[in-house]
């Protein structure tokens, strides 16, 4: 848990996020971020599509508190939607309400989301609302519900570490849902803290939605979870058309290809843009074992320096708390 807290701290550190943007992907994350431009993203999607893998595309962005930044993010996402249609790609959109203005003004965020969802609906492209921390959880659900009154191409994420997730997965069972463990540091009064509790709830949520839900995206790199799901769908005669496995771009590439070759629906989460640092650190926080999956590909002297600075600040903060 200390390692998890460390990576969450790094993801929320504005100084390190700014430094990462300054250096771009030179710090070593190009192996897990599918480029910074739309042509690069289109090429990455096409390569995965050729391997019978679909994609969900995330235009990365953190700490959006200005309307101009949210509007720019909206325009970037609209361009991705248009490119998916024009290039006839097998892909859909993942987005964060906070990047589109949720922390600025709810109505402003809603209008940005509606513009994206409307264009995607016109082209029969699905839009997934990535869930963030607990502070934004209920307002994000409200946005989803409002848009669903007019559009049927929206879905969201259920995070297994929240106590209320069992209630939410039943409430939103008629939506396409991605099931994840959760990647933010949440207080004890709203979320499970131990890995064992989170893992148990994760499997419970997956099984419930496979049996009762519309469509289930199982987001994991854990071969134990994947094998469990394979056995579960076989035992309950759940067709492949009802679910997919999801992994992150750059993680466990061979396993992604193997699952696609076996005939399972497979989707790669494809992040792009310069604002990659917070995203990447949360992925390591979500499952610290991910470090082993990407160390040789990603970590170099500059990356290690940035993480080292973050580690020093994190340790200093913990020591300061103990001294109070």
Protein backbone atom coordinates (compact mmCIF):
# COMPACT_ATOMS: atom_id res chain seq x y z
CA UNK A 1 0.00 0.00 0.00
CA UNK A 2 2.95 2.34 0.62
CA UNK A 3 4.08 1.74 -2.96
CA UNK A 4 0.56 2.43 -4.19
CA UNK A 5 0.37 5.66 -2.17
CA UNK A 6 3.73 6.68 -3.60
CA UNK A 7 2.57 6.38 -7.21
CA UNK A 8 -0.71 8.17 -6.44
CA UNK A 9 1.30 10.98 -4.89
CA UNK A 10 3.36 11.24 -8.07
CA UNK A 11 0.24 11.30 -10.25
CA UNK A 12 -1.14 14.28 -8.30
CA UNK A 13 2.12 16.25 -8.17
CA UNK A 14 1.63 19.26 -10.44
CA UNK A 15 5.34 20.05 -10.55
CA UNK A 16 6.24 16.62 -11.90
CA UNK A 17 3.28 16.68 -14.28
CA UNK A 18 4.51 20.00 -15.65
CA UNK A 19 8.06 18.70 -15.99
CA UNK A 20 6.81 15.66 -17.89
CA UNK A 21 4.88 17.87 -20.32
CA UNK A 22 7.97 20.02 -20.84
CA UNK A 23 10.10 17.04 -21.76
CA UNK A 24 7.27 15.42 -23.73
CA UNK A 25 7.70 11.70 -24.23
CA UNK A 26 11.48 12.00 -24.13
CA UNK A 27 11.31 10.81 -20.52
CA UNK A 28 10.59 7.32 -21.81
CA UNK A 29 6.81 6.88 -21.83
CA UNK A 30 6.48 6.53 -25.59
CA UNK A 31 6.12 2.78 -25.08
CA UNK A 32 2.85 3.24 -23.19
CA UNK A 33 1.46 6.40 -24.86
CA UNK A 34 0.37 6.10 -28.49
CA UNK A 35 1.88 9.35 -29.69
CA UNK A 36 1.06 13.03 -29.29
CA UNK A 37 -0.66 13.78 -32.61
CA UNK A 38 -3.81 12.57 -34.31
CA UNK A 39 -1.97 10.95 -37.27
CA UNK A 40 0.15 8.97 -34.80
CA UNK A 41 -2.95 7.79 -32.98
CA UNK A 42 -4.68 6.78 -36.21
CA UNK A 43 -1.63 4.73 -37.17
CA UNK A 44 -1.55 3.03 -33.75
CA UNK A 45 -5.24 2.16 -33.97
CA UNK A 46 -4.84 0.78 -37.48
CA UNK A 47 -1.96 -1.46 -36.41
CA UNK A 48 -4.01 -2.89 -33.55
CA UNK A 49 -7.10 -3.28 -35.73
CA UNK A 50 -4.98 -5.33 -38.15
CA UNK A 51 -4.35 -7.71 -35.23
CA UNK A 52 -8.14 -7.97 -34.60
CA UNK A 53 -7.92 -5.65 -31.58
CA UNK A 54 -10.27 -2.71 -31.08
CA UNK A 55 -9.27 0.46 -29.23
CA UNK A 56 -10.65 3.00 -26.81
CA UNK A 57 -8.91 6.35 -27.23
CA UNK A 58 -8.13 8.72 -24.36
CA UNK A 59 -6.95 12.27 -25.04
CA UNK A 60 -4.88 12.73 -21.90
CA UNK A 61 -5.34 15.77 -19.66
CA UNK A 62 -4.90 16.71 -16.00
CA UNK A 63 -5.68 19.70 -13.78
CA UNK A 64 -8.14 21.50 -16.09
CA UNK A 65 -9.42 24.64 -14.37
CA UNK A 66 -9.75 27.05 -17.31
CA UNK A 67 -12.60 27.01 -19.83
CA UNK A 68 -10.15 27.52 -22.67
CA UNK A 69 -8.33 24.30 -21.71
CA UNK A 70 -11.60 22.35 -21.51
CA UNK A 71 -12.71 23.70 -24.88
CA UNK A 72 -9.38 22.71 -26.43
CA UNK A 73 -9.78 19.20 -25.00
CA UNK A 74 -13.30 18.97 -26.41
CA UNK A 75 -12.08 19.99 -29.86
CA UNK A 76 -9.29 17.40 -29.71
CA UNK A 77 -11.78 14.67 -28.83
CA UNK A 78 -14.17 15.76 -31.60
CA UNK A 79 -11.26 15.47 -34.02
CA UNK A 80 -10.62 11.90 -32.81
CA UNK A 81 -14.30 11.00 -33.27
CA UNK A 82 -14.22 12.39 -36.80
CA UNK A 83 -11.01 10.52 -37.60
CA UNK A 84 -12.44 7.22 -36.33
CA UNK A 85 -15.38 7.69 -38.68
CA UNK A 86 -13.42 8.96 -41.67
CA UNK A 87 -10.73 6.29 -41.43
CA UNK A 88 -13.27 3.52 -40.69
CA UNK A 89 -11.40 2.47 -37.54
CA UNK A 90 -12.57 -0.02 -34.92
CA UNK A 91 -12.36 2.33 -31.96
CA UNK A 92 -14.37 4.34 -29.47
CA UNK A 93 -13.78 7.20 -27.03
CA UNK A 94 -12.82 7.28 -23.36
CA UNK A 95 -12.96 10.67 -21.65
CA UNK A 96 -12.82 12.25 -18.21
CA UNK A 97 -15.54 14.77 -17.27
CA UNK A 98 -12.99 16.81 -15.32
CA UNK A 99 -10.98 17.40 -18.50
CA UNK A 100 -14.10 18.86 -20.09
CA UNK A 101 -14.88 21.30 -17.30
CA UNK A 102 -16.48 19.41 -14.42
CA UNK A 103 -14.28 21.25 -11.91
CA UNK A 104 -15.17 24.58 -13.53
CA UNK A 105 -18.93 24.50 -14.09
CA UNK A 106 -21.35 21.58 -14.32
CA UNK A 107 -23.51 23.08 -17.10
CA UNK A 108 -20.43 24.00 -19.14
CA UNK A 109 -19.10 20.46 -18.80
CA UNK A 110 -22.47 19.00 -19.80
CA UNK A 111 -22.57 21.04 -23.01
CA UNK A 112 -19.04 19.94 -23.92
CA UNK A 113 -19.92 16.31 -23.29
CA UNK A 114 -23.17 16.59 -25.23
CA UNK A 115 -21.38 17.93 -28.29
CA UNK A 116 -18.97 14.97 -28.24
CA UNK A 117 -21.64 12.36 -27.55
CA UNK A 118 -23.93 13.78 -30.26
CA UNK A 119 -21.25 13.58 -32.96
CA UNK A 120 -20.25 10.10 -31.82
CA UNK A 121 -23.92 9.03 -31.86
CA UNK A 122 -24.23 10.27 -35.41
CA UNK A 123 -21.39 7.92 -36.38
CA UNK A 124 -22.45 5.03 -34.10
CA UNK A 125 -19.35 5.44 -31.92
CA UNK A 126 -19.47 4.56 -28.23
CA UNK A 127 -18.33 7.06 -25.57
CA UNK A 128 -17.12 5.82 -22.20
CA UNK A 129 -16.99 8.09 -19.14
CA UNK A 130 -13.83 7.30 -17.21
CA UNK A 131 -14.48 7.57 -13.48
CA UNK A 132 -12.09 9.56 -11.36
CA UNK A 133 -11.91 10.10 -7.60
CA UNK A 134 -14.82 9.91 -5.17
CA UNK A 135 -15.20 13.68 -5.10
CA UNK A 136 -16.28 13.58 -8.76
CA UNK A 137 -18.09 10.24 -8.71
CA UNK A 138 -21.71 11.25 -8.26
CA UNK A 139 -21.60 14.30 -10.51
CA UNK A 140 -20.11 12.09 -13.25
CA UNK A 141 -22.96 9.60 -12.83
CA UNK A 142 -25.44 12.49 -13.05
CA UNK A 143 -23.91 13.64 -16.33
CA UNK A 144 -24.14 10.10 -17.68
CA UNK A 145 -27.80 9.79 -16.70
CA UNK A 146 -28.72 13.13 -18.25
CA UNK A 147 -27.04 12.30 -21.55
CA UNK A 148 -28.54 8.81 -21.61
CA UNK A 149 -32.01 10.36 -21.77
CA UNK A 150 -31.17 11.45 -25.32
CA UNK A 151 -28.31 9.18 -26.43
CA UNK A 152 -27.76 5.43 -26.13
CA UNK A 153 -24.03 5.38 -26.97
CA UNK A 154 -22.73 6.17 -23.48
CA UNK A 155 -21.37 4.00 -20.69
CA UNK A 156 -19.05 4.28 -17.74
CA UNK A 157 -16.65 2.64 -15.31
CA UNK A 158 -17.35 0.90 -12.01
CA UNK A 159 -14.45 0.93 -9.53
CA UNK A 160 -14.27 -2.11 -7.30
CA UNK A 161 -12.70 -0.39 -4.30
CA UNK A 162 -15.81 1.71 -3.54
CA UNK A 163 -18.29 0.27 -1.04
CA UNK A 164 -21.21 1.52 -3.16
CA UNK A 165 -20.04 -0.17 -6.35
CA UNK A 166 -22.21 -3.23 -5.80
CA UNK A 167 -25.24 -0.93 -5.65
CA UNK A 168 -24.05 1.05 -8.68
CA UNK A 169 -23.41 -1.96 -10.87
CA UNK A 170 -27.00 -3.03 -10.34
CA UNK A 171 -28.28 0.51 -10.94
CA UNK A 172 -26.36 0.82 -14.21
CA UNK A 173 -26.65 -2.77 -15.42
CA UNK A 174 -28.34 -1.61 -18.64
CA UNK A 175 -25.25 0.37 -19.56
CA UNK A 176 -22.08 -0.88 -21.16
CA UNK A 177 -19.63 -0.92 -18.24
CA UNK A 178 -15.90 -1.23 -17.78
CA UNK A 179 -15.00 -2.90 -14.47
CA UNK A 180 -11.74 -1.81 -12.84
CA UNK A 181 -10.18 -2.02 -9.39
CA UNK A 182 -9.60 1.72 -8.95
CA UNK A 183 -6.55 3.96 -9.15
CA UNK A 184 -6.98 6.84 -6.69
CA UNK A 185 -6.29 7.11 -2.98
CA UNK A 186 -9.69 7.11 -1.27
CA UNK A 187 -10.62 7.43 2.44
CA UNK A 188 -11.54 4.44 4.57
CA UNK A 189 -15.16 5.55 4.95
CA UNK A 190 -15.90 5.15 1.22
CA UNK A 191 -13.46 2.54 -0.11
CA UNK A 192 -11.84 -0.78 0.67
CA UNK A 193 -8.19 -0.38 1.60
CA UNK A 194 -6.82 -3.92 1.41
CA UNK A 195 -5.86 -5.66 -1.81
CA UNK A 196 -7.76 -8.80 -0.78
CA UNK A 197 -11.04 -6.94 -0.24
CA UNK A 198 -10.67 -5.05 -3.53
CA UNK A 199 -9.84 -8.22 -5.49
CA UNK A 200 -12.84 -10.09 -4.06
CA UNK A 201 -15.21 -7.26 -4.86
CA UNK A 202 -13.71 -6.94 -8.35
CA UNK A 203 -14.56 -10.53 -9.24
CA UNK A 204 -18.02 -10.19 -7.69
CA UNK A 205 -18.78 -7.14 -9.84
CA UNK A 206 -17.47 -8.78 -13.01
CA UNK A 207 -19.59 -11.88 -12.44
CA UNK A 208 -22.72 -9.86 -11.70
CA UNK A 209 -22.45 -7.77 -14.85
CA UNK A 210 -21.60 -10.76 -17.03
CA UNK A 211 -24.80 -12.44 -15.83
CA UNK A 212 -27.12 -9.42 -15.72
CA UNK A 213 -25.53 -6.55 -17.62
CA UNK A 214 -25.58 -5.20 -21.15
CA UNK A 215 -21.90 -5.53 -22.06
CA UNK A 216 -18.87 -5.98 -19.82
CA UNK A 217 -15.35 -4.66 -20.39
CA UNK A 218 -12.99 -6.49 -18.05
CA UNK A 219 -9.98 -4.23 -17.56
CA UNK A 220 -7.09 -6.23 -16.14
CA UNK A 221 -3.55 -7.42 -16.81
CA UNK A 222 -3.88 -10.20 -14.25
CA UNK A 223 -3.81 -13.62 -15.91
CA UNK A 224 -5.51 -15.12 -12.82
CA UNK A 225 -8.53 -12.87 -13.30
CA UNK A 226 -8.56 -13.57 -17.04
CA UNK A 227 -8.47 -17.34 -16.47
CA UNK A 228 -11.25 -17.02 -13.89
CA UNK A 229 -13.42 -15.14 -16.38
CA UNK A 230 -12.74 -17.70 -19.10
CA UNK A 231 -14.00 -20.47 -16.83
CA UNK A 232 -16.95 -18.42 -15.57
CA UNK A 233 -18.31 -17.55 -19.03
CA UNK A 234 -17.89 -21.16 -20.10
CA UNK A 235 -19.77 -22.48 -17.07
CA UNK A 236 -22.63 -19.99 -17.55
CA UNK A 237 -22.80 -20.17 -21.35
CA UNK A 238 -22.11 -16.45 -21.74
CA UNK A 239 -21.34 -15.70 -25.40
CA UNK A 240 -18.23 -13.79 -26.40
CA UNK A 241 -20.44 -11.03 -27.80
CA UNK A 242 -21.36 -10.04 -24.23
CA UNK A 243 -17.89 -9.07 -23.02
CA UNK A 244 -14.35 -8.06 -23.87
CA UNK A 245 -11.00 -8.01 -22.16
CA UNK A 246 -9.20 -4.68 -21.93
CA UNK A 247 -5.56 -3.83 -21.31
CA UNK A 248 -3.49 -0.69 -21.54
CA UNK A 249 -1.44 0.20 -24.57
CA UNK A 250 2.12 -1.06 -24.12
CA UNK A 251 1.33 -3.54 -21.33
CA UNK A 252 1.49 -7.33 -21.85
CA UNK A 253 1.48 -7.05 -25.63
CA UNK A 254 1.81 -10.78 -26.25
CA UNK A 255 -1.10 -11.60 -23.97
CA UNK A 256 -3.22 -9.03 -25.81
CA UNK A 257 -2.43 -10.68 -29.13
CA UNK A 258 -2.97 -14.17 -27.70
CA UNK A 259 -6.46 -13.32 -26.38
CA UNK A 260 -7.42 -11.81 -29.73
CA UNK A 261 -6.13 -14.92 -31.53
CA UNK A 262 -8.17 -17.12 -29.20
CA UNK A 263 -11.30 -15.38 -30.48
CA UNK A 264 -12.09 -13.20 -27.49
CA UNK A 265 -13.16 -9.61 -28.02
CA UNK A 266 -10.17 -7.52 -27.05
CA UNK A 267 -9.82 -3.76 -26.64
CA UNK A 268 -6.65 -1.79 -25.99
CA UNK A 269 -6.90 1.42 -23.95
CA UNK A 270 -5.00 3.90 -26.11
CA UNK A 271 -3.84 7.12 -24.41
CA UNK A 272 -2.25 9.92 -26.39
CA UNK A 273 -0.93 13.43 -25.83
CA UNK A 274 1.81 15.19 -23.88
CA UNK A 275 -0.04 15.10 -20.57
CA UNK A 276 0.86 11.47 -19.86
CA UNK A 277 2.52 11.57 -16.45
CA UNK A 278 -0.53 11.45 -14.14
CA UNK A 279 -2.13 8.72 -16.24
CA UNK A 280 1.01 6.60 -16.18
CA UNK A 281 1.60 6.92 -12.43
CA UNK A 282 -2.02 5.96 -11.66
CA UNK A 283 -1.58 2.82 -13.74
CA UNK A 284 1.38 1.87 -11.58
CA UNK A 285 -0.62 2.72 -8.46
CA UNK A 286 -3.54 0.59 -9.61
CA UNK A 287 -1.34 -2.46 -9.80
CA UNK A 288 2.26 -1.92 -8.69
CA UNK A 289 3.16 -5.20 -10.42
CA UNK A 290 2.76 -3.19 -13.64
CA UNK A 291 6.19 -1.77 -12.89
CA UNK A 292 7.71 -5.11 -13.83
CA UNK A 293 5.76 -5.13 -17.10
CA UNK A 294 7.21 -1.88 -18.39
CA UNK A 295 10.48 -1.27 -16.55
CA UNK A 296 12.72 -2.32 -19.45
CA UNK A 297 10.63 -0.44 -22.00
CA UNK A 298 9.95 2.81 -20.17
CA UNK A 299 12.39 3.59 -17.40
CA UNK A 300 15.54 5.47 -18.26
CA UNK A 301 17.73 7.98 -16.46
CA UNK A 302 15.30 10.87 -16.85
CA UNK A 303 12.31 8.82 -15.72
CA UNK A 304 14.21 7.49 -12.74
CA UNK A 305 15.28 11.00 -11.81
CA UNK A 306 11.69 12.24 -11.83
CA UNK A 307 10.48 9.29 -9.79
CA UNK A 308 13.43 9.69 -7.44
CA UNK A 309 12.53 13.30 -6.78
CA UNK A 310 8.95 12.27 -6.17
CA UNK A 311 10.04 9.49 -3.83
CA UNK A 312 12.13 11.93 -1.80
CA UNK A 313 9.20 14.33 -1.50
CA UNK A 314 6.86 11.49 -0.60
CA UNK A 315 9.19 10.17 2.11
CA UNK A 316 9.71 13.67 3.48
CA UNK A 317 5.96 14.16 3.67
CA UNK A 318 5.48 10.92 5.59
CA UNK A 319 8.27 11.82 8.02
CA UNK A 320 6.75 15.26 8.55
CA UNK A 321 3.38 13.73 9.38
CA UNK A 322 4.97 11.39 11.88
CA UNK A 323 6.69 14.33 13.55
CA UNK A 324 3.44 16.21 14.13
